[in-house]
């Protein structure tokens, strides 16, 4: 699909007649991070995962901001065949995109879920921006490039078959070898989550990883910024990237949340 002159890549699962679920990756990531998670929801949801502009197989822009990415999220839902207000799930920097979507388009959503996005800091992928703005290295072989794959922030505990799939999907072939797909220019200053949460115009939930970037005290403060009754769910024994080390607890938490929201809406 095209959004304001930029091609946006989608991955879709499930029947378009089902309730919608949109999955938003973190910074420098891509929709393939959800490939092993999304099928668990396809029996009950129409699932759409997009590559935000500047990521994955989507196009690059001269300028990036969360408001534009929120527009891409809503356009992806429509292009992916979702006909009812979807739930938007965002991880890390994608949590900022999900929250911004809830601020800008909340009346058109069934809710937002924010996964391990800290309250007072910029998205963790933004750190070291000057280093990542340098020209990207080209690796002579795919194997060498895959071996250099790491997460931002670094997470050493990952299921190896998942890590390899995500690493391979993160690379593109160029003259002289292989390099990362993301556009380094997409890193920049973002609104703080502290500013976004009180402005949400739809229901929300927070998922925090036990060993992630949102400690319990921060989760309490985030809950206080949101309407009463917002669920805060801990993913046990998970690092900042729970789809890489604890995908099944992540699926179970999201399934339970979606079921409870569906029941409450009846």
C-alpha atoms as a PDB file:
ATOM      1  CA  UNK A   1       0.000   0.000   0.000  1.00  0.00           C
ATOM      2  CA  UNK A   2       0.987   3.673  -0.312  1.00  0.00           C
ATOM      3  CA  UNK A   3       0.792   6.274   2.474  1.00  0.00           C
ATOM      4  CA  UNK A   4       1.641   9.840   1.500  1.00  0.00           C
ATOM      5  CA  UNK A   5       3.860   8.693  -1.325  1.00  0.00           C
ATOM      6  CA  UNK A   6       5.690   5.971   0.640  1.00  0.00           C
ATOM      7  CA  UNK A   7       5.204   2.239   0.070  1.00  0.00           C
ATOM      8  CA  UNK A   8       4.251   0.399   3.278  1.00  0.00           C
ATOM      9  CA  UNK A   9       4.707  -3.360   3.500  1.00  0.00           C
ATOM     10  CA  UNK A  10       2.161  -5.576   5.318  1.00  0.00           C
ATOM     11  CA  UNK A  11       1.887  -9.151   6.559  1.00  0.00           C
ATOM     12  CA  UNK A  12      -1.644 -10.444   7.184  1.00  0.00           C
ATOM     13  CA  UNK A  13      -3.221 -13.478   8.835  1.00  0.00           C
ATOM     14  CA  UNK A  14      -6.798 -14.596   9.500  1.00  0.00           C
ATOM     15  CA  UNK A  15     -10.238 -13.881   8.085  1.00  0.00           C
ATOM     16  CA  UNK A  16     -10.944 -10.190   7.343  1.00  0.00           C
ATOM     17  CA  UNK A  17     -14.406 -10.667   8.864  1.00  0.00           C
ATOM     18  CA  UNK A  18     -12.853 -11.209  12.306  1.00  0.00           C
ATOM     19  CA  UNK A  19     -11.995  -8.449  14.824  1.00  0.00           C
ATOM     20  CA  UNK A  20      -8.804  -6.609  13.974  1.00  0.00           C
ATOM     21  CA  UNK A  21      -5.383  -6.751  15.616  1.00  0.00           C
ATOM     22  CA  UNK A  22      -2.500  -4.566  14.392  1.00  0.00           C
ATOM     23  CA  UNK A  23       1.057  -5.417  15.509  1.00  0.00           C
ATOM     24  CA  UNK A  24       3.709  -2.683  15.530  1.00  0.00           C
ATOM     25  CA  UNK A  25       7.419  -3.525  15.788  1.00  0.00           C
ATOM     26  CA  UNK A  26      10.118  -1.575  17.605  1.00  0.00           C
ATOM     27  CA  UNK A  27      12.775   0.742  16.222  1.00  0.00           C
ATOM     28  CA  UNK A  28      15.150  -0.712  13.589  1.00  0.00           C
ATOM     29  CA  UNK A  29      12.962  -3.843  13.574  1.00  0.00           C
ATOM     30  CA  UNK A  30      10.284  -5.023  11.120  1.00  0.00           C
ATOM     31  CA  UNK A  31       7.013  -6.920  10.841  1.00  0.00           C
ATOM     32  CA  UNK A  32       8.843 -10.258  10.726  1.00  0.00           C
ATOM     33  CA  UNK A  33       9.406  -9.971  14.467  1.00  0.00           C
ATOM     34  CA  UNK A  34       5.758 -11.057  14.778  1.00  0.00           C
ATOM     35  CA  UNK A  35       5.893 -13.992  12.312  1.00  0.00           C
ATOM     36  CA  UNK A  36       5.940 -16.635  15.054  1.00  0.00           C
ATOM     37  CA  UNK A  37       3.417 -14.758  17.236  1.00  0.00           C
ATOM     38  CA  UNK A  38       0.698 -13.616  14.834  1.00  0.00           C
ATOM     39  CA  UNK A  39      -0.506 -17.099  13.736  1.00  0.00           C
ATOM     40  CA  UNK A  40      -1.642 -17.828  17.310  1.00  0.00           C
ATOM     41  CA  UNK A  41      -4.296 -15.118  16.886  1.00  0.00           C
ATOM     42  CA  UNK A  42      -5.385 -15.854  13.325  1.00  0.00           C
ATOM     43  CA  UNK A  43      -8.282 -18.086  14.370  1.00  0.00           C
ATOM     44  CA  UNK A  44     -10.031 -15.254  16.210  1.00  0.00           C
ATOM     45  CA  UNK A  45      -8.559 -12.034  14.777  1.00  0.00           C
ATOM     46  CA  UNK A  46      -7.646 -10.515  11.445  1.00  0.00           C
ATOM     47  CA  UNK A  47      -3.994  -9.783  12.191  1.00  0.00           C
ATOM     48  CA  UNK A  48      -2.002  -7.143  10.337  1.00  0.00           C
ATOM     49  CA  UNK A  49       1.681  -6.445  10.989  1.00  0.00           C
ATOM     50  CA  UNK A  50       3.272  -3.561   9.126  1.00  0.00           C
ATOM     51  CA  UNK A  51       6.765  -2.326   8.437  1.00  0.00           C
ATOM     52  CA  UNK A  52       6.719   1.303   9.528  1.00  0.00           C
ATOM     53  CA  UNK A  53       8.299   3.626   6.965  1.00  0.00           C
ATOM     54  CA  UNK A  54      12.075   3.499   7.291  1.00  0.00           C
ATOM     55  CA  UNK A  55      11.916  -0.141   8.363  1.00  0.00           C
ATOM     56  CA  UNK A  56      11.848  -3.572   6.768  1.00  0.00           C
ATOM     57  CA  UNK A  57      10.493  -3.693   3.239  1.00  0.00           C
ATOM     58  CA  UNK A  58       8.686  -0.349   3.459  1.00  0.00           C
ATOM     59  CA  UNK A  59       9.978   2.781   1.766  1.00  0.00           C
ATOM     60  CA  UNK A  60      12.110   5.514   3.289  1.00  0.00           C
ATOM     61  CA  UNK A  61      11.117   9.133   3.889  1.00  0.00           C
ATOM     62  CA  UNK A  62      12.951  12.413   4.234  1.00  0.00           C
ATOM     63  CA  UNK A  63      11.309  12.930   7.632  1.00  0.00           C
ATOM     64  CA  UNK A  64       9.811  10.591  10.229  1.00  0.00           C
ATOM     65  CA  UNK A  65       7.560  11.276  13.199  1.00  0.00           C
ATOM     66  CA  UNK A  66       5.132   9.379  15.419  1.00  0.00           C
ATOM     67  CA  UNK A  67       2.069  11.141  14.033  1.00  0.00           C
ATOM     68  CA  UNK A  68       2.957   9.949  10.549  1.00  0.00           C
ATOM     69  CA  UNK A  69       3.610   6.427  11.813  1.00  0.00           C
ATOM     70  CA  UNK A  70       0.186   6.495  13.538  1.00  0.00           C
ATOM     71  CA  UNK A  71      -1.325   7.366  10.155  1.00  0.00           C
ATOM     72  CA  UNK A  72       0.494   4.372   8.674  1.00  0.00           C
ATOM     73  CA  UNK A  73      -0.899   2.112  11.415  1.00  0.00           C
ATOM     74  CA  UNK A  74      -4.477   3.125  10.636  1.00  0.00           C
ATOM     75  CA  UNK A  75      -3.893   2.846   6.882  1.00  0.00           C
ATOM     76  CA  UNK A  76      -2.390  -0.622   7.368  1.00  0.00           C
ATOM     77  CA  UNK A  77      -5.481  -1.751   9.278  1.00  0.00           C
ATOM     78  CA  UNK A  78      -7.721  -0.634   6.427  1.00  0.00           C
ATOM     79  CA  UNK A  79      -5.486  -2.001   3.668  1.00  0.00           C
ATOM     80  CA  UNK A  80      -5.235  -5.301   5.535  1.00  0.00           C
ATOM     81  CA  UNK A  81      -9.002  -5.739   5.409  1.00  0.00           C
ATOM     82  CA  UNK A  82      -9.847  -4.823   8.999  1.00  0.00           C
ATOM     83  CA  UNK A  83     -13.349  -3.368   9.000  1.00  0.00           C
ATOM     84  CA  UNK A  84     -13.949  -2.882  12.734  1.00  0.00           C
ATOM     85  CA  UNK A  85     -11.998  -0.785  15.263  1.00  0.00           C
ATOM     86  CA  UNK A  86      -8.791  -2.752  15.861  1.00  0.00           C
ATOM     87  CA  UNK A  87      -6.607  -3.295  18.897  1.00  0.00           C
ATOM     88  CA  UNK A  88      -3.119  -1.897  18.250  1.00  0.00           C
ATOM     89  CA  UNK A  89      -0.200  -3.635  19.983  1.00  0.00           C
ATOM     90  CA  UNK A  90       3.171  -1.897  19.983  1.00  0.00           C
ATOM     91  CA  UNK A  91       6.529  -3.064  21.335  1.00  0.00           C
ATOM     92  CA  UNK A  92       9.288  -0.719  22.538  1.00  0.00           C
ATOM     93  CA  UNK A  93       9.387   2.182  20.063  1.00  0.00           C
ATOM     94  CA  UNK A  94       6.261   0.629  18.582  1.00  0.00           C
ATOM     95  CA  UNK A  95       4.654   1.329  21.951  1.00  0.00           C
ATOM     96  CA  UNK A  96       5.149   5.035  21.232  1.00  0.00           C
ATOM     97  CA  UNK A  97       3.537   4.504  17.814  1.00  0.00           C
ATOM     98  CA  UNK A  98       0.628   2.600  19.384  1.00  0.00           C
ATOM     99  CA  UNK A  99       0.133   5.273  22.055  1.00  0.00           C
ATOM    100  CA  UNK A 100       0.278   8.034  19.450  1.00  0.00           C
ATOM    101  CA  UNK A 101      -2.327   6.156  17.431  1.00  0.00           C
ATOM    102  CA  UNK A 102      -4.503   6.066  20.539  1.00  0.00           C
ATOM    103  CA  UNK A 103      -4.066   9.810  21.004  1.00  0.00           C
ATOM    104  CA  UNK A 104      -4.668  10.733  17.358  1.00  0.00           C
ATOM    105  CA  UNK A 105      -7.254   8.108  16.381  1.00  0.00           C
ATOM    106  CA  UNK A 106      -8.561   6.717  19.672  1.00  0.00           C
ATOM    107  CA  UNK A 107     -12.214   6.895  18.691  1.00  0.00           C
ATOM    108  CA  UNK A 108     -11.443   4.482  15.829  1.00  0.00           C
ATOM    109  CA  UNK A 109      -9.687   1.899  18.023  1.00  0.00           C
ATOM    110  CA  UNK A 110     -10.813  -0.916  20.294  1.00  0.00           C
ATOM    111  CA  UNK A 111      -7.739  -0.316  22.441  1.00  0.00           C
ATOM    112  CA  UNK A 112      -3.949  -0.119  22.562  1.00  0.00           C
ATOM    113  CA  UNK A 113      -1.437  -2.412  24.253  1.00  0.00           C
ATOM    114  CA  UNK A 114       2.011  -1.055  25.074  1.00  0.00           C
ATOM    115  CA  UNK A 115       4.798  -3.606  25.598  1.00  0.00           C
ATOM    116  CA  UNK A 116       7.812  -2.592  27.724  1.00  0.00           C
ATOM    117  CA  UNK A 117       7.995   1.060  26.652  1.00  0.00           C
ATOM    118  CA  UNK A 118       9.548   3.109  29.497  1.00  0.00           C
ATOM    119  CA  UNK A 119       7.897   6.191  30.939  1.00  0.00           C
ATOM    120  CA  UNK A 120      10.489   8.968  31.025  1.00  0.00           C
ATOM    121  CA  UNK A 121      13.138   7.946  28.483  1.00  0.00           C
ATOM    122  CA  UNK A 122      13.253   8.103  24.734  1.00  0.00           C
ATOM    123  CA  UNK A 123      12.711   4.720  23.043  1.00  0.00           C
ATOM    124  CA  UNK A 124      15.733   2.516  23.824  1.00  0.00           C
ATOM    125  CA  UNK A 125      16.535   2.193  20.136  1.00  0.00           C
ATOM    126  CA  UNK A 126      17.130   5.964  20.026  1.00  0.00           C
ATOM    127  CA  UNK A 127      20.169   5.711  22.290  1.00  0.00           C
ATOM    128  CA  UNK A 128      23.477   5.859  20.478  1.00  0.00           C
ATOM    129  CA  UNK A 129      21.862   7.750  17.621  1.00  0.00           C
ATOM    130  CA  UNK A 130      25.125   9.358  16.511  1.00  0.00           C
ATOM    131  CA  UNK A 131      26.766   5.975  16.152  1.00  0.00           C
ATOM    132  CA  UNK A 132      23.889   4.575  14.103  1.00  0.00           C
ATOM    133  CA  UNK A 133      23.814   7.612  11.821  1.00  0.00           C
ATOM    134  CA  UNK A 134      27.211   6.596  10.455  1.00  0.00           C
ATOM    135  CA  UNK A 135      27.228   4.796   7.095  1.00  0.00           C
ATOM    136  CA  UNK A 136      26.000   1.252   7.563  1.00  0.00           C
ATOM    137  CA  UNK A 137      28.495  -1.527   7.201  1.00  0.00           C
ATOM    138  CA  UNK A 138      28.172  -3.900   4.254  1.00  0.00           C
ATOM    139  CA  UNK A 139      28.944  -7.534   5.095  1.00  0.00           C
ATOM    140  CA  UNK A 140      30.348  -9.698   2.298  1.00  0.00           C
ATOM    141  CA  UNK A 141      28.122 -12.714   3.070  1.00  0.00           C
ATOM    142  CA  UNK A 142      24.680 -13.291   4.529  1.00  0.00           C
ATOM    143  CA  UNK A 143      26.135 -15.593   7.178  1.00  0.00           C
ATOM    144  CA  UNK A 144      28.544 -12.931   8.404  1.00  0.00           C
ATOM    145  CA  UNK A 145      25.752 -10.381   8.576  1.00  0.00           C
ATOM    146  CA  UNK A 146      23.409 -12.737  10.454  1.00  0.00           C
ATOM    147  CA  UNK A 147      26.198 -13.467  12.948  1.00  0.00           C
ATOM    148  CA  UNK A 148      26.407  -9.744  13.734  1.00  0.00           C
ATOM    149  CA  UNK A 149      22.677  -9.398  14.484  1.00  0.00           C
ATOM    150  CA  UNK A 150      21.929  -8.001  17.929  1.00  0.00           C
ATOM    151  CA  UNK A 151      19.002  -6.278  19.555  1.00  0.00           C
ATOM    152  CA  UNK A 152      18.690  -2.713  20.834  1.00  0.00           C
ATOM    153  CA  UNK A 153      19.080  -2.823  23.790  1.00  0.00           C
ATOM    154  CA  UNK A 154      21.196  -5.966  23.673  1.00  0.00           C
ATOM    155  CA  UNK A 155      19.466  -9.158  24.778  1.00  0.00           C
ATOM    156  CA  UNK A 156      21.639 -12.245  24.822  1.00  0.00           C
ATOM    157  CA  UNK A 157      18.890 -14.746  25.674  1.00  0.00           C
ATOM    158  CA  UNK A 158      16.942 -15.441  22.460  1.00  0.00           C
ATOM    159  CA  UNK A 159      15.416 -18.562  20.963  1.00  0.00           C
ATOM    160  CA  UNK A 160      18.000 -19.267  18.235  1.00  0.00           C
ATOM    161  CA  UNK A 161      15.623 -20.250  15.420  1.00  0.00           C
ATOM    162  CA  UNK A 162      13.583 -17.094  16.002  1.00  0.00           C
ATOM    163  CA  UNK A 163      16.675 -14.904  16.174  1.00  0.00           C
ATOM    164  CA  UNK A 164      17.973 -16.283  12.878  1.00  0.00           C
ATOM    165  CA  UNK A 165      14.667 -15.739  11.077  1.00  0.00           C
ATOM    166  CA  UNK A 166      14.455 -12.154  12.314  1.00  0.00           C
ATOM    167  CA  UNK A 167      18.106 -11.485  11.436  1.00  0.00           C
ATOM    168  CA  UNK A 168      17.707 -12.777   7.873  1.00  0.00           C
ATOM    169  CA  UNK A 169      14.553 -10.703   7.405  1.00  0.00           C
ATOM    170  CA  UNK A 170      16.439  -7.615   8.657  1.00  0.00           C
ATOM    171  CA  UNK A 171      18.953  -7.693   5.789  1.00  0.00           C
ATOM    172  CA  UNK A 172      18.937  -6.688   2.142  1.00  0.00           C
ATOM    173  CA  UNK A 173      21.431  -7.440  -0.570  1.00  0.00           C
ATOM    174  CA  UNK A 174      23.382  -4.483  -1.956  1.00  0.00           C
ATOM    175  CA  UNK A 175      26.479  -4.033  -4.064  1.00  0.00           C
ATOM    176  CA  UNK A 176      29.306  -5.779  -2.261  1.00  0.00           C
ATOM    177  CA  UNK A 177      27.191  -7.850   0.136  1.00  0.00           C
ATOM    178  CA  UNK A 178      24.456  -7.422   2.721  1.00  0.00           C
ATOM    179  CA  UNK A 179      23.350  -4.557   4.971  1.00  0.00           C
ATOM    180  CA  UNK A 180      20.502  -3.732   7.365  1.00  0.00           C
ATOM    181  CA  UNK A 181      17.170  -2.620   5.931  1.00  0.00           C
ATOM    182  CA  UNK A 182      16.290   0.147   8.392  1.00  0.00           C
ATOM    183  CA  UNK A 183      16.950   3.793   7.586  1.00  0.00           C
ATOM    184  CA  UNK A 184      19.318   5.321  10.212  1.00  0.00           C
ATOM    185  CA  UNK A 185      17.669   8.689   9.584  1.00  0.00           C
ATOM    186  CA  UNK A 186      14.476   7.488  11.294  1.00  0.00           C
ATOM    187  CA  UNK A 187      16.079   7.903  14.734  1.00  0.00           C
ATOM    188  CA  UNK A 188      15.196  11.179  16.444  1.00  0.00           C
ATOM    189  CA  UNK A 189      13.501  12.834  19.397  1.00  0.00           C
ATOM    190  CA  UNK A 190      10.059  11.540  20.393  1.00  0.00           C
ATOM    191  CA  UNK A 191       7.362  12.687  22.785  1.00  0.00           C
ATOM    192  CA  UNK A 192       7.780  11.013  26.176  1.00  0.00           C
ATOM    193  CA  UNK A 193       5.407   8.208  27.109  1.00  0.00           C
ATOM    194  CA  UNK A 194       4.589  10.315  30.180  1.00  0.00           C
ATOM    195  CA  UNK A 195       3.057  12.892  27.813  1.00  0.00           C
ATOM    196  CA  UNK A 196       1.183  10.398  25.645  1.00  0.00           C
ATOM    197  CA  UNK A 197      -0.541   8.247  28.270  1.00  0.00           C
ATOM    198  CA  UNK A 198      -2.815  10.929  29.788  1.00  0.00           C
ATOM    199  CA  UNK A 199      -3.907  11.972  26.292  1.00  0.00           C
ATOM    200  CA  UNK A 200      -5.071   8.505  25.182  1.00  0.00           C
ATOM    201  CA  UNK A 201      -8.616   8.453  23.850  1.00  0.00           C
ATOM    202  CA  UNK A 202      -9.215   4.698  24.071  1.00  0.00           C
ATOM    203  CA  UNK A 203      -8.737   1.924  26.584  1.00  0.00           C
ATOM    204  CA  UNK A 204      -5.233   0.648  27.123  1.00  0.00           C
ATOM    205  CA  UNK A 205      -3.151  -2.032  28.767  1.00  0.00           C
ATOM    206  CA  UNK A 206       0.501  -2.229  29.739  1.00  0.00           C
ATOM    207  CA  UNK A 207       2.716  -5.290  29.435  1.00  0.00           C
ATOM    208  CA  UNK A 208       6.073  -5.168  31.184  1.00  0.00           C
ATOM    209  CA  UNK A 209       8.897  -7.695  30.926  1.00  0.00           C
ATOM    210  CA  UNK A 210      10.280  -8.924  34.243  1.00  0.00           C
ATOM    211  CA  UNK A 211      13.825  -8.125  33.096  1.00  0.00           C
ATOM    212  CA  UNK A 212      12.907  -5.332  30.703  1.00  0.00           C
ATOM    213  CA  UNK A 213      12.972  -1.542  30.893  1.00  0.00           C
ATOM    214  CA  UNK A 214       9.825  -0.964  32.957  1.00  0.00           C
ATOM    215  CA  UNK A 215      10.434  -1.847  36.618  1.00  0.00           C
ATOM    216  CA  UNK A 216       7.419  -2.385  38.911  1.00  0.00           C
ATOM    217  CA  UNK A 217       7.495   1.133  40.380  1.00  0.00           C
ATOM    218  CA  UNK A 218       7.472   2.674  36.901  1.00  0.00           C
ATOM    219  CA  UNK A 219       4.554   0.453  35.890  1.00  0.00           C
ATOM    220  CA  UNK A 220       2.591   1.767  38.883  1.00  0.00           C
ATOM    221  CA  UNK A 221       3.275   5.344  37.840  1.00  0.00           C
ATOM    222  CA  UNK A 222       2.243   4.578  34.250  1.00  0.00           C
ATOM    223  CA  UNK A 223      -0.984   3.031  35.519  1.00  0.00           C
ATOM    224  CA  UNK A 224      -1.692   6.205  37.498  1.00  0.00           C
ATOM    225  CA  UNK A 225      -1.486   8.259  34.312  1.00  0.00           C
ATOM    226  CA  UNK A 226      -4.185   6.138  32.683  1.00  0.00           C
ATOM    227  CA  UNK A 227      -7.880   5.605  33.514  1.00  0.00           C
ATOM    228  CA  UNK A 228      -8.761   3.481  36.546  1.00  0.00           C
ATOM    229  CA  UNK A 229      -8.761  -0.240  35.911  1.00  0.00           C
ATOM    230  CA  UNK A 230      -6.002  -0.366  33.291  1.00  0.00           C
ATOM    231  CA  UNK A 231      -4.406  -3.824  33.424  1.00  0.00           C
ATOM    232  CA  UNK A 232      -0.668  -4.017  34.003  1.00  0.00           C
ATOM    233  CA  UNK A 233       0.624  -7.478  33.118  1.00  0.00           C
ATOM    234  CA  UNK A 234       4.103  -8.805  33.894  1.00  0.00           C
ATOM    235  CA  UNK A 235       5.695 -11.236  31.461  1.00  0.00           C
ATOM    236  CA  UNK A 236       7.756 -13.571  33.685  1.00  0.00           C
ATOM    237  CA  UNK A 237      11.407 -14.287  32.926  1.00  0.00           C
ATOM    238  CA  UNK A 238      11.240 -12.069  29.824  1.00  0.00           C
ATOM    239  CA  UNK A 239      13.743  -9.518  28.611  1.00  0.00           C
ATOM    240  CA  UNK A 240      12.867  -6.275  26.845  1.00  0.00           C
ATOM    241  CA  UNK A 241      12.061  -8.218  23.653  1.00  0.00           C
ATOM    242  CA  UNK A 242       9.614 -10.877  24.934  1.00  0.00           C
ATOM    243  CA  UNK A 243       8.803 -12.235  21.465  1.00  0.00           C
ATOM    244  CA  UNK A 244      12.454 -13.349  21.276  1.00  0.00           C
ATOM    245  CA  UNK A 245      12.776 -15.150  24.602  1.00  0.00           C
ATOM    246  CA  UNK A 246       9.247 -15.731  25.952  1.00  0.00           C
ATOM    247  CA  UNK A 247       6.852 -15.716  22.976  1.00  0.00           C
ATOM    248  CA  UNK A 248       4.305 -18.114  24.480  1.00  0.00           C
ATOM    249  CA  UNK A 249       3.774 -16.124  27.711  1.00  0.00           C
ATOM    250  CA  UNK A 250       3.415 -13.054  25.495  1.00  0.00           C
ATOM    251  CA  UNK A 251       0.767 -14.826  23.403  1.00  0.00           C
ATOM    252  CA  UNK A 252      -1.053 -16.024  26.515  1.00  0.00           C
ATOM    253  CA  UNK A 253      -1.116 -12.527  28.023  1.00  0.00           C
ATOM    254  CA  UNK A 254      -2.402 -10.928  24.832  1.00  0.00           C
ATOM    255  CA  UNK A 255      -4.997 -13.657  24.287  1.00  0.00           C
ATOM    256  CA  UNK A 256      -6.334 -13.250  27.812  1.00  0.00           C
ATOM    257  CA  UNK A 257      -6.465  -9.482  27.456  1.00  0.00           C
ATOM    258  CA  UNK A 258      -8.255  -9.594  24.107  1.00  0.00           C
ATOM    259  CA  UNK A 259     -10.773 -12.124  25.435  1.00  0.00           C
ATOM    260  CA  UNK A 260     -11.556  -9.949  28.456  1.00  0.00           C
ATOM    261  CA  UNK A 261     -11.971  -6.860  26.302  1.00  0.00           C
ATOM    262  CA  UNK A 262     -14.267  -8.721  23.908  1.00  0.00           C
ATOM    263  CA  UNK A 263     -16.394 -10.002  26.803  1.00  0.00           C
ATOM    264  CA  UNK A 264     -16.611  -6.522  28.330  1.00  0.00           C
ATOM    265  CA  UNK A 265     -17.816  -5.062  25.030  1.00  0.00           C
ATOM    266  CA  UNK A 266     -20.784  -7.441  24.783  1.00  0.00           C
END
